[in-house]
Amino acid sequence: MEDLADKKCIPCEGGIPAFDIKEIHKYLKKIDGWDVLEDKGKNYYIEKNFKFNNYLESEKFVLSVGKIAEIEGHHPDITFGWGYAKIKISTHAINGLAESDFVLAAKIDKI
């Protein structure tokens, strides 16, 4: 089976259903350490916390994530500060998760 990190994110403009929880768990097995969560609207997203030794390491990581996001045309929500970064990924056009969300997570994990 093809590694998710080797795939390309496919832009989603809506019109497709978001993954159900069964499909989400199938894809969660293919990425490392990401959590599936629900927002107030009961929409799923994936999130991962990263730890670093200082602010500069956090910033360098976030800049690397930003480069990948631009290349893939898929932009996560990023929070960071001294020694940490949090990445939250979903597909806003479908209010949930699709394969591209997991592709982006796999690419981020390769940093």
C-alpha atoms as a PDB file:
ATOM      1  CA  MET A   1       0.000   0.000   0.000  1.00  0.00           C
ATOM      2  CA  GLU A   2       1.224   3.475  -0.876  1.00  0.00           C
ATOM      3  CA  ASP A   3       2.570   5.558   2.004  1.00  0.00           C
ATOM      4  CA  LEU A   4       0.273   8.519   2.682  1.00  0.00           C
ATOM      5  CA  ALA A   5       3.285  10.862   2.746  1.00  0.00           C
ATOM      6  CA  ASP A   6       3.962   9.973  -0.900  1.00  0.00           C
ATOM      7  CA  LYS A   7       0.508  11.085  -2.018  1.00  0.00           C
ATOM      8  CA  LYS A   8      -0.546  14.590  -3.051  1.00  0.00           C
ATOM      9  CA  CYS A   9      -3.290  16.542  -1.292  1.00  0.00           C
ATOM     10  CA  ILE A  10      -6.306  16.934  -3.543  1.00  0.00           C
ATOM     11  CA  PRO A  11      -8.140  20.252  -3.134  1.00  0.00           C
ATOM     12  CA  CYS A  12     -11.685  19.798  -1.885  1.00  0.00           C
ATOM     13  CA  GLU A  13     -14.363  22.274  -2.843  1.00  0.00           C
ATOM     14  CA  GLY A  14     -17.163  20.398  -1.132  1.00  0.00           C
ATOM     15  CA  GLY A  15     -19.743  18.140  -2.666  1.00  0.00           C
ATOM     16  CA  ILE A  16     -18.334  15.004  -1.044  1.00  0.00           C
ATOM     17  CA  PRO A  17     -19.179  13.555   2.344  1.00  0.00           C
ATOM     18  CA  ALA A  18     -16.719  13.833   5.196  1.00  0.00           C
ATOM     19  CA  PHE A  19     -15.260  10.562   6.473  1.00  0.00           C
ATOM     20  CA  ASP A  20     -17.350   8.738   9.042  1.00  0.00           C
ATOM     21  CA  ILE A  21     -15.698   7.607  12.268  1.00  0.00           C
ATOM     22  CA  LYS A  22     -14.978   4.121  10.884  1.00  0.00           C
ATOM     23  CA  GLU A  23     -13.069   5.563   7.926  1.00  0.00           C
ATOM     24  CA  ILE A  24     -11.278   8.041  10.199  1.00  0.00           C
ATOM     25  CA  HIS A  25      -9.995   5.228  12.409  1.00  0.00           C
ATOM     26  CA  LYS A  26      -8.799   3.328   9.337  1.00  0.00           C
ATOM     27  CA  TYR A  27      -6.660   6.319   8.361  1.00  0.00           C
ATOM     28  CA  LEU A  28      -5.523   7.090  11.919  1.00  0.00           C
ATOM     29  CA  LYS A  29      -3.640   3.784  11.838  1.00  0.00           C
ATOM     30  CA  LYS A  30      -1.518   5.183   9.001  1.00  0.00           C
ATOM     31  CA  ILE A  31      -0.261   8.260  10.880  1.00  0.00           C
ATOM     32  CA  ASP A  32       1.649   8.534  14.136  1.00  0.00           C
ATOM     33  CA  GLY A  33       0.314  10.093  17.331  1.00  0.00           C
ATOM     34  CA  TRP A  34      -2.555  12.172  15.942  1.00  0.00           C
ATOM     35  CA  ASP A  35      -5.800  12.442  17.879  1.00  0.00           C
ATOM     36  CA  VAL A  36      -9.276  12.661  16.382  1.00  0.00           C
ATOM     37  CA  LEU A  37     -11.464  15.250  18.092  1.00  0.00           C
ATOM     38  CA  GLU A  38     -14.861  16.864  17.564  1.00  0.00           C
ATOM     39  CA  ASP A  39     -15.636  20.563  17.517  1.00  0.00           C
ATOM     40  CA  LYS A  40     -18.807  22.180  18.896  1.00  0.00           C
ATOM     41  CA  GLY A  41     -20.606  21.465  15.615  1.00  0.00           C
ATOM     42  CA  LYS A  42     -19.812  17.725  15.930  1.00  0.00           C
ATOM     43  CA  ASN A  43     -17.316  17.958  13.040  1.00  0.00           C
ATOM     44  CA  TYR A  44     -14.191  15.812  13.256  1.00  0.00           C
ATOM     45  CA  TYR A  45     -10.616  17.053  12.978  1.00  0.00           C
ATOM     46  CA  ILE A  46      -7.176  15.646  13.751  1.00  0.00           C
ATOM     47  CA  GLU A  47      -4.659  17.295  16.037  1.00  0.00           C
ATOM     48  CA  LYS A  48      -1.158  16.641  17.267  1.00  0.00           C
ATOM     49  CA  ASN A  49       1.061  18.336  19.830  1.00  0.00           C
ATOM     50  CA  PHE A  50       4.787  18.615  19.164  1.00  0.00           C
ATOM     51  CA  LYS A  51       7.425  19.399  21.814  1.00  0.00           C
ATOM     52  CA  PHE A  52      10.729  21.214  21.283  1.00  0.00           C
ATOM     53  CA  ASN A  53      13.665  22.407  23.353  1.00  0.00           C
ATOM     54  CA  ASN A  54      13.136  26.124  22.740  1.00  0.00           C
ATOM     55  CA  TYR A  55      11.293  28.785  20.774  1.00  0.00           C
ATOM     56  CA  LEU A  56      13.573  28.680  17.729  1.00  0.00           C
ATOM     57  CA  GLU A  57      13.038  24.948  17.261  1.00  0.00           C
ATOM     58  CA  SER A  58       9.272  25.485  17.443  1.00  0.00           C
ATOM     59  CA  GLU A  59       9.462  28.310  14.936  1.00  0.00           C
ATOM     60  CA  LYS A  60      11.642  26.309  12.531  1.00  0.00           C
ATOM     61  CA  PHE A  61       9.159  23.426  12.669  1.00  0.00           C
ATOM     62  CA  VAL A  62       6.189  25.736  12.034  1.00  0.00           C
ATOM     63  CA  LEU A  63       7.961  27.301   9.033  1.00  0.00           C
ATOM     64  CA  SER A  64       8.575  23.809   7.634  1.00  0.00           C
ATOM     65  CA  VAL A  65       4.892  22.942   8.104  1.00  0.00           C
ATOM     66  CA  GLY A  66       3.978  26.175   6.319  1.00  0.00           C
ATOM     67  CA  LYS A  67       6.137  25.271   3.314  1.00  0.00           C
ATOM     68  CA  ILE A  68       4.481  21.862   3.040  1.00  0.00           C
ATOM     69  CA  ALA A  69       1.027  23.429   3.416  1.00  0.00           C
ATOM     70  CA  GLU A  70       1.712  25.847   0.558  1.00  0.00           C
ATOM     71  CA  ILE A  71       3.049  23.104  -1.718  1.00  0.00           C
ATOM     72  CA  GLU A  72       0.035  20.907  -0.961  1.00  0.00           C
ATOM     73  CA  GLY A  73      -2.516  23.735  -1.051  1.00  0.00           C
ATOM     74  CA  HIS A  74      -3.896  22.475   2.257  1.00  0.00           C
ATOM     75  CA  HIS A  75      -3.494  24.724   5.279  1.00  0.00           C
ATOM     76  CA  PRO A  76      -3.736  23.540   8.899  1.00  0.00           C
ATOM     77  CA  ASP A  77      -4.403  25.653  11.964  1.00  0.00           C
ATOM     78  CA  ILE A  78      -1.136  26.147  13.832  1.00  0.00           C
ATOM     79  CA  THR A  79      -0.517  27.323  17.379  1.00  0.00           C
ATOM     80  CA  PHE A  80       3.031  27.565  18.694  1.00  0.00           C
ATOM     81  CA  GLY A  81       5.242  29.122  21.307  1.00  0.00           C
ATOM     82  CA  TRP A  82       8.264  28.372  23.441  1.00  0.00           C
ATOM     83  CA  GLY A  83       8.911  24.627  23.148  1.00  0.00           C
ATOM     84  CA  TYR A  84       5.660  23.560  21.526  1.00  0.00           C
ATOM     85  CA  ALA A  85       3.515  23.533  18.402  1.00  0.00           C
ATOM     86  CA  LYS A  86      -0.026  22.271  17.920  1.00  0.00           C
ATOM     87  CA  ILE A  87      -1.298  21.351  14.460  1.00  0.00           C
ATOM     88  CA  LYS A  88      -5.024  21.000  13.764  1.00  0.00           C
ATOM     89  CA  ILE A  89      -6.169  19.644  10.401  1.00  0.00           C
ATOM     90  CA  SER A  90      -9.593  19.343   8.770  1.00  0.00           C
ATOM     91  CA  THR A  91     -11.236  20.091   5.451  1.00  0.00           C
ATOM     92  CA  HIS A  92     -13.376  23.171   5.976  1.00  0.00           C
ATOM     93  CA  ALA A  93     -15.295  22.729   2.699  1.00  0.00           C
ATOM     94  CA  ILE A  94     -16.855  19.508   4.029  1.00  0.00           C
ATOM     95  CA  ASN A  95     -16.775  20.299   7.760  1.00  0.00           C
ATOM     96  CA  GLY A  96     -14.792  17.185   8.527  1.00  0.00           C
ATOM     97  CA  LEU A  97     -12.012  14.907   7.399  1.00  0.00           C
ATOM     98  CA  ALA A  98     -10.969  13.539   4.007  1.00  0.00           C
ATOM     99  CA  GLU A  99      -7.934  11.611   2.793  1.00  0.00           C
ATOM    100  CA  SER A 100      -5.949  14.801   2.126  1.00  0.00           C
ATOM    101  CA  ASP A 101      -6.058  15.650   5.829  1.00  0.00           C
ATOM    102  CA  PHE A 102      -4.246  12.419   6.609  1.00  0.00           C
ATOM    103  CA  VAL A 103      -1.841  12.938   3.703  1.00  0.00           C
ATOM    104  CA  LEU A 104      -0.878  16.319   5.159  1.00  0.00           C
ATOM    105  CA  ALA A 105      -0.469  14.797   8.636  1.00  0.00           C
ATOM    106  CA  ALA A 106       1.831  12.094   7.228  1.00  0.00           C
ATOM    107  CA  LYS A 107       3.933  14.729   5.460  1.00  0.00           C
ATOM    108  CA  ILE A 108       4.196  16.791   8.650  1.00  0.00           C
ATOM    109  CA  ASP A 109       5.324  13.699  10.531  1.00  0.00           C
ATOM    110  CA  LYS A 110       8.249  13.362   8.076  1.00  0.00           C
ATOM    111  CA  ILE A 111       9.726  16.730   9.147  1.00  0.00           C
END
